[in-house]
Amino acid sequence: MDGSNAVDVPVELGHLIMTMLDSIAEGGSLTVTAMPAELTTSLAAHLLGISRTTLMKRINRGEIPARKVGTHHRLATADVMRARDEKRRQAAETFDRVREAQDDAGITD
């Protein structure tokens, strides 16, 4: 490529593109979908991999922000994605700690 097709992109978009390409290069799959700005509790719970009841408990404890629309709650998609990323990060840390404990104990697969 001679650079004539070069395009400047925001840093955040560049990071996103690199993350997607890394995932594909490692054999992962990629799904791109449009998400509304706000989610219902049912969809948010599904994306988080938890029950709606558990999500409501987390909302009531202030762990995940939500707003009321009549008698229903709505969650910002960005907040749900942050919570999902945090859940994944914590799971990875837990896995690493368990793996390290196994290594320390001399346990092999």
N, C-alpha and C. Protein backbone atom coordinates (compact mmCIF):
# COMPACT_ATOMS: atom_id res chain seq x y z
N MET A 1 0.85 -1.17 0.00
CA MET A 1 0.00 0.00 0.00
C MET A 1 0.90 1.23 0.00
N ASP A 2 0.60 2.19 -0.85
CA ASP A 2 1.45 3.37 -0.98
C ASP A 2 1.06 4.50 -0.03
N GLY A 3 0.08 4.30 0.81
CA GLY A 3 -0.32 5.32 1.78
C GLY A 3 -1.37 6.27 1.26
N SER A 4 -1.72 6.17 -0.01
CA SER A 4 -2.71 7.10 -0.55
C SER A 4 -4.10 6.85 0.02
N ASN A 5 -4.31 5.68 0.60
CA ASN A 5 -5.60 5.36 1.20
C ASN A 5 -5.58 5.51 2.72
N ALA A 6 -4.56 6.12 3.25
CA ALA A 6 -4.44 6.28 4.70
C ALA A 6 -5.54 7.18 5.23
N VAL A 7 -6.05 6.81 6.40
CA VAL A 7 -7.12 7.56 7.04
C VAL A 7 -6.76 7.74 8.51
N ASP A 8 -6.90 8.95 9.01
CA ASP A 8 -6.69 9.20 10.43
C ASP A 8 -7.95 8.79 11.19
N VAL A 9 -7.76 8.04 12.27
CA VAL A 9 -8.89 7.63 13.10
C VAL A 9 -8.59 8.02 14.55
N PRO A 10 -9.63 8.24 15.34
CA PRO A 10 -9.41 8.54 16.76
C PRO A 10 -8.68 7.37 17.44
N VAL A 11 -7.91 7.68 18.46
CA VAL A 11 -7.13 6.67 19.17
C VAL A 11 -8.02 5.53 19.67
N GLU A 12 -9.20 5.87 20.23
CA GLU A 12 -10.10 4.85 20.77
C GLU A 12 -10.55 3.89 19.68
N LEU A 13 -10.83 4.41 18.49
CA LEU A 13 -11.24 3.56 17.38
C LEU A 13 -10.09 2.67 16.95
N GLY A 14 -8.89 3.22 16.94
CA GLY A 14 -7.71 2.42 16.59
C GLY A 14 -7.53 1.26 17.55
N HIS A 15 -7.71 1.53 18.86
CA HIS A 15 -7.61 0.46 19.86
C HIS A 15 -8.68 -0.60 19.63
N LEU A 16 -9.89 -0.16 19.33
CA LEU A 16 -10.98 -1.10 19.08
C LEU A 16 -10.66 -1.98 17.88
N ILE A 17 -10.20 -1.38 16.81
CA ILE A 17 -9.86 -2.14 15.60
C ILE A 17 -8.75 -3.15 15.91
N MET A 18 -7.73 -2.72 16.64
CA MET A 18 -6.63 -3.63 16.98
C MET A 18 -7.11 -4.79 17.86
N THR A 19 -8.01 -4.50 18.79
CA THR A 19 -8.56 -5.55 19.65
C THR A 19 -9.33 -6.56 18.81
N MET A 20 -10.12 -6.07 17.87
CA MET A 20 -10.89 -6.96 17.00
C MET A 20 -9.96 -7.82 16.15
N LEU A 21 -8.94 -7.21 15.56
CA LEU A 21 -8.01 -7.95 14.72
C LEU A 21 -7.23 -8.98 15.53
N ASP A 22 -6.82 -8.62 16.75
CA ASP A 22 -6.12 -9.58 17.62
C ASP A 22 -7.01 -10.78 17.92
N SER A 23 -8.27 -10.52 18.21
CA SER A 23 -9.21 -11.60 18.51
C SER A 23 -9.36 -12.54 17.33
N ILE A 24 -9.50 -11.99 16.15
CA ILE A 24 -9.64 -12.80 14.94
C ILE A 24 -8.36 -13.58 14.69
N ALA A 25 -7.20 -12.94 14.86
CA ALA A 25 -5.91 -13.60 14.63
C ALA A 25 -5.71 -14.77 15.58
N GLU A 26 -6.30 -14.70 16.77
CA GLU A 26 -6.18 -15.78 17.76
C GLU A 26 -7.24 -16.85 17.56
N GLY A 27 -7.96 -16.79 16.45
CA GLY A 27 -8.96 -17.80 16.15
C GLY A 27 -10.34 -17.49 16.68
N GLY A 28 -10.52 -16.32 17.25
CA GLY A 28 -11.82 -15.94 17.78
C GLY A 28 -12.77 -15.51 16.67
N SER A 29 -14.00 -15.32 17.03
CA SER A 29 -14.97 -14.82 16.07
C SER A 29 -15.38 -13.41 16.48
N LEU A 30 -15.97 -12.72 15.56
CA LEU A 30 -16.33 -11.33 15.79
C LEU A 30 -17.76 -11.12 15.33
N THR A 31 -18.55 -10.51 16.19
CA THR A 31 -19.91 -10.14 15.85
C THR A 31 -20.06 -8.65 16.08
N VAL A 32 -20.54 -7.96 15.08
CA VAL A 32 -20.77 -6.53 15.20
C VAL A 32 -22.28 -6.32 15.14
N THR A 33 -22.79 -5.61 16.13
CA THR A 33 -24.22 -5.37 16.16
C THR A 33 -24.49 -3.96 16.68
N ALA A 34 -25.56 -3.39 16.23
CA ALA A 34 -25.96 -2.06 16.73
C ALA A 34 -26.70 -2.26 18.04
N MET A 35 -26.39 -1.43 19.01
CA MET A 35 -27.04 -1.51 20.31
C MET A 35 -27.74 -0.18 20.58
N PRO A 36 -28.93 -0.25 21.18
CA PRO A 36 -29.59 1.00 21.55
C PRO A 36 -28.81 1.68 22.68
N ALA A 37 -29.05 2.95 22.87
CA ALA A 37 -28.36 3.70 23.93
C ALA A 37 -28.75 3.19 25.31
N GLU A 38 -29.99 2.71 25.44
CA GLU A 38 -30.46 2.17 26.71
C GLU A 38 -31.01 0.77 26.51
N LEU A 39 -30.88 -0.04 27.57
CA LEU A 39 -31.32 -1.43 27.51
C LEU A 39 -32.38 -1.71 28.57
N THR A 40 -33.23 -2.67 28.27
CA THR A 40 -34.17 -3.16 29.28
C THR A 40 -33.40 -4.02 30.27
N THR A 41 -33.99 -4.26 31.42
CA THR A 41 -33.32 -5.11 32.41
C THR A 41 -33.16 -6.54 31.89
N SER A 42 -34.10 -7.01 31.10
CA SER A 42 -34.00 -8.37 30.56
C SER A 42 -32.80 -8.51 29.64
N LEU A 43 -32.64 -7.55 28.72
CA LEU A 43 -31.52 -7.61 27.79
C LEU A 43 -30.20 -7.39 28.51
N ALA A 44 -30.18 -6.45 29.45
CA ALA A 44 -28.96 -6.19 30.21
C ALA A 44 -28.54 -7.43 30.99
N ALA A 45 -29.49 -8.09 31.62
CA ALA A 45 -29.18 -9.31 32.38
C ALA A 45 -28.62 -10.38 31.45
N HIS A 46 -29.21 -10.52 30.28
CA HIS A 46 -28.72 -11.50 29.30
C HIS A 46 -27.27 -11.19 28.91
N LEU A 47 -26.99 -9.93 28.62
CA LEU A 47 -25.63 -9.55 28.22
C LEU A 47 -24.62 -9.77 29.35
N LEU A 48 -25.07 -9.62 30.58
CA LEU A 48 -24.19 -9.81 31.73
C LEU A 48 -24.08 -11.27 32.16
N GLY A 49 -24.95 -12.11 31.61
CA GLY A 49 -24.91 -13.53 31.98
C GLY A 49 -25.43 -13.78 33.38
N ILE A 50 -26.37 -12.95 33.82
CA ILE A 50 -26.97 -13.11 35.15
C ILE A 50 -28.48 -13.07 35.00
N SER A 51 -29.17 -13.48 36.05
CA SER A 51 -30.63 -13.42 36.01
C SER A 51 -31.10 -11.98 36.16
N ARG A 52 -32.31 -11.73 35.72
CA ARG A 52 -32.89 -10.40 35.88
C ARG A 52 -33.01 -10.06 37.37
N THR A 53 -33.35 -11.06 38.18
CA THR A 53 -33.46 -10.84 39.62
C THR A 53 -32.13 -10.39 40.21
N THR A 54 -31.04 -11.04 39.82
CA THR A 54 -29.71 -10.65 40.30
C THR A 54 -29.37 -9.24 39.82
N LEU A 55 -29.71 -8.93 38.59
CA LEU A 55 -29.46 -7.58 38.07
C LEU A 55 -30.22 -6.55 38.90
N MET A 56 -31.47 -6.82 39.21
CA MET A 56 -32.25 -5.87 40.00
C MET A 56 -31.63 -5.67 41.38
N LYS A 57 -31.09 -6.73 41.98
CA LYS A 57 -30.41 -6.59 43.27
C LYS A 57 -29.20 -5.68 43.13
N ARG A 58 -28.44 -5.86 42.05
CA ARG A 58 -27.25 -5.03 41.84
C ARG A 58 -27.64 -3.57 41.59
N ILE A 59 -28.74 -3.35 40.88
CA ILE A 59 -29.24 -1.99 40.66
C ILE A 59 -29.63 -1.37 42.00
N ASN A 60 -30.38 -2.11 42.80
CA ASN A 60 -30.85 -1.60 44.10
C ASN A 60 -29.71 -1.31 45.06
N ARG A 61 -28.60 -2.05 44.93
CA ARG A 61 -27.41 -1.80 45.77
C ARG A 61 -26.55 -0.68 45.21
N GLY A 62 -26.91 -0.17 44.03
CA GLY A 62 -26.14 0.91 43.42
C GLY A 62 -24.90 0.44 42.69
N GLU A 63 -24.78 -0.85 42.43
CA GLU A 63 -23.60 -1.39 41.74
C GLU A 63 -23.62 -1.10 40.24
N ILE A 64 -24.82 -1.02 39.69
CA ILE A 64 -24.99 -0.71 38.27
C ILE A 64 -26.02 0.41 38.19
N PRO A 65 -25.66 1.53 37.55
CA PRO A 65 -26.62 2.63 37.46
C PRO A 65 -27.80 2.30 36.54
N ALA A 66 -28.95 2.79 36.91
CA ALA A 66 -30.15 2.62 36.10
C ALA A 66 -31.08 3.79 36.38
N ARG A 67 -31.99 4.02 35.46
CA ARG A 67 -32.99 5.06 35.68
C ARG A 67 -34.37 4.45 35.52
N LYS A 68 -35.33 5.04 36.19
CA LYS A 68 -36.70 4.55 36.12
C LYS A 68 -37.44 5.24 34.99
N VAL A 69 -38.18 4.45 34.24
CA VAL A 69 -39.09 4.96 33.22
C VAL A 69 -40.45 4.38 33.58
N GLY A 70 -41.25 5.19 34.24
CA GLY A 70 -42.50 4.66 34.78
C GLY A 70 -42.17 3.68 35.88
N THR A 71 -42.61 2.44 35.72
CA THR A 71 -42.31 1.40 36.71
C THR A 71 -41.14 0.52 36.29
N HIS A 72 -40.55 0.81 35.14
CA HIS A 72 -39.47 -0.01 34.60
C HIS A 72 -38.11 0.67 34.75
N HIS A 73 -37.07 -0.13 34.76
CA HIS A 73 -35.71 0.39 34.80
C HIS A 73 -35.09 0.32 33.41
N ARG A 74 -34.25 1.29 33.11
CA ARG A 74 -33.46 1.30 31.88
C ARG A 74 -32.01 1.51 32.27
N LEU A 75 -31.13 0.83 31.55
CA LEU A 75 -29.70 0.92 31.83
C LEU A 75 -28.98 1.43 30.60
N ALA A 76 -28.03 2.31 30.80
CA ALA A 76 -27.22 2.79 29.68
C ALA A 76 -26.37 1.63 29.17
N THR A 77 -26.36 1.46 27.86
CA THR A 77 -25.58 0.38 27.26
C THR A 77 -24.12 0.45 27.69
N ALA A 78 -23.57 1.65 27.74
CA ALA A 78 -22.16 1.81 28.13
C ALA A 78 -21.93 1.29 29.55
N ASP A 79 -22.88 1.53 30.46
CA ASP A 79 -22.74 1.05 31.84
C ASP A 79 -22.78 -0.48 31.88
N VAL A 80 -23.66 -1.07 31.09
CA VAL A 80 -23.77 -2.53 31.05
C VAL A 80 -22.48 -3.13 30.47
N MET A 81 -21.95 -2.52 29.42
CA MET A 81 -20.71 -3.03 28.81
C MET A 81 -19.54 -2.92 29.79
N ARG A 82 -19.50 -1.83 30.56
CA ARG A 82 -18.44 -1.69 31.57
C ARG A 82 -18.58 -2.78 32.63
N ALA A 83 -19.80 -3.04 33.07
CA ALA A 83 -20.03 -4.09 34.07
C ALA A 83 -19.64 -5.45 33.51
N ARG A 84 -19.96 -5.69 32.25
CA ARG A 84 -19.59 -6.97 31.61
C ARG A 84 -18.07 -7.10 31.52
N ASP A 85 -17.40 -6.03 31.12
CA ASP A 85 -15.94 -6.06 31.04
C ASP A 85 -15.31 -6.31 32.41
N GLU A 86 -15.86 -5.67 33.43
CA GLU A 86 -15.34 -5.86 34.80
C GLU A 86 -15.55 -7.30 35.26
N LYS A 87 -16.71 -7.86 34.94
CA LYS A 87 -16.99 -9.25 35.31
C LYS A 87 -15.99 -10.18 34.63
N ARG A 88 -15.72 -9.93 33.36
CA ARG A 88 -14.74 -10.75 32.63
C ARG A 88 -13.34 -10.59 33.21
N ARG A 89 -12.97 -9.36 33.57
CA ARG A 89 -11.65 -9.11 34.14
C ARG A 89 -11.50 -9.85 35.46
N GLN A 90 -12.54 -9.79 36.30
CA GLN A 90 -12.49 -10.48 37.59
C GLN A 90 -12.40 -11.99 37.40
N ALA A 91 -13.13 -12.51 36.42
CA ALA A 91 -13.09 -13.95 36.16
C ALA A 91 -11.69 -14.37 35.70
N ALA A 92 -11.07 -13.56 34.85
CA ALA A 92 -9.71 -13.87 34.39
C ALA A 92 -8.72 -13.83 35.54
N GLU A 93 -8.86 -12.85 36.43
CA GLU A 93 -7.98 -12.76 37.60
C GLU A 93 -8.15 -13.97 38.51
N THR A 94 -9.39 -14.38 38.71
CA THR A 94 -9.66 -15.55 39.55
C THR A 94 -9.05 -16.79 38.93
N PHE A 95 -9.21 -16.95 37.63
CA PHE A 95 -8.62 -18.09 36.93
C PHE A 95 -7.11 -18.10 37.10
N ASP A 96 -6.49 -16.94 36.93
CA ASP A 96 -5.03 -16.84 37.08
C ASP A 96 -4.59 -17.22 38.49
N ARG A 97 -5.34 -16.77 39.50
CA ARG A 97 -4.99 -17.10 40.89
C ARG A 97 -5.12 -18.61 41.15
N VAL A 98 -6.17 -19.21 40.62
CA VAL A 98 -6.36 -20.65 40.79
C VAL A 98 -5.24 -21.40 40.08
N ARG A 99 -4.92 -20.98 38.88
CA ARG A 99 -3.85 -21.62 38.11
C ARG A 99 -2.52 -21.50 38.85
N GLU A 100 -2.25 -20.34 39.42
CA GLU A 100 -1.01 -20.12 40.17
C GLU A 100 -0.98 -21.01 41.41
N ALA A 101 -2.11 -21.14 42.10
CA ALA A 101 -2.18 -22.00 43.28
C ALA A 101 -1.94 -23.46 42.89
N GLN A 102 -2.47 -23.87 41.75
CA GLN A 102 -2.23 -25.23 41.27
C GLN A 102 -0.75 -25.44 40.97
N ASP A 103 -0.14 -24.47 40.32
CA ASP A 103 1.28 -24.56 40.01
C ASP A 103 2.11 -24.65 41.29
N ASP A 104 1.77 -23.80 42.27
CA ASP A 104 2.49 -23.80 43.55
C ASP A 104 2.35 -25.14 44.27
N ALA A 105 1.20 -25.77 44.12
CA ALA A 105 0.95 -27.05 44.78
C ALA A 105 1.46 -28.23 43.97
N GLY A 106 1.97 -27.96 42.77
CA GLY A 106 2.48 -29.03 41.92
C GLY A 106 1.40 -29.83 41.23
N ILE A 107 0.21 -29.27 41.14
CA ILE A 107 -0.91 -29.95 40.48
C ILE A 107 -0.82 -29.67 38.99
N THR A 108 -0.85 -30.74 38.19
CA THR A 108 -0.82 -30.57 36.73
C THR A 108 -2.10 -31.13 36.14
N ASP A 109 -2.38 -30.73 34.93
CA ASP A 109 -3.59 -31.20 34.24
C ASP A 109 -3.49 -32.65 33.87
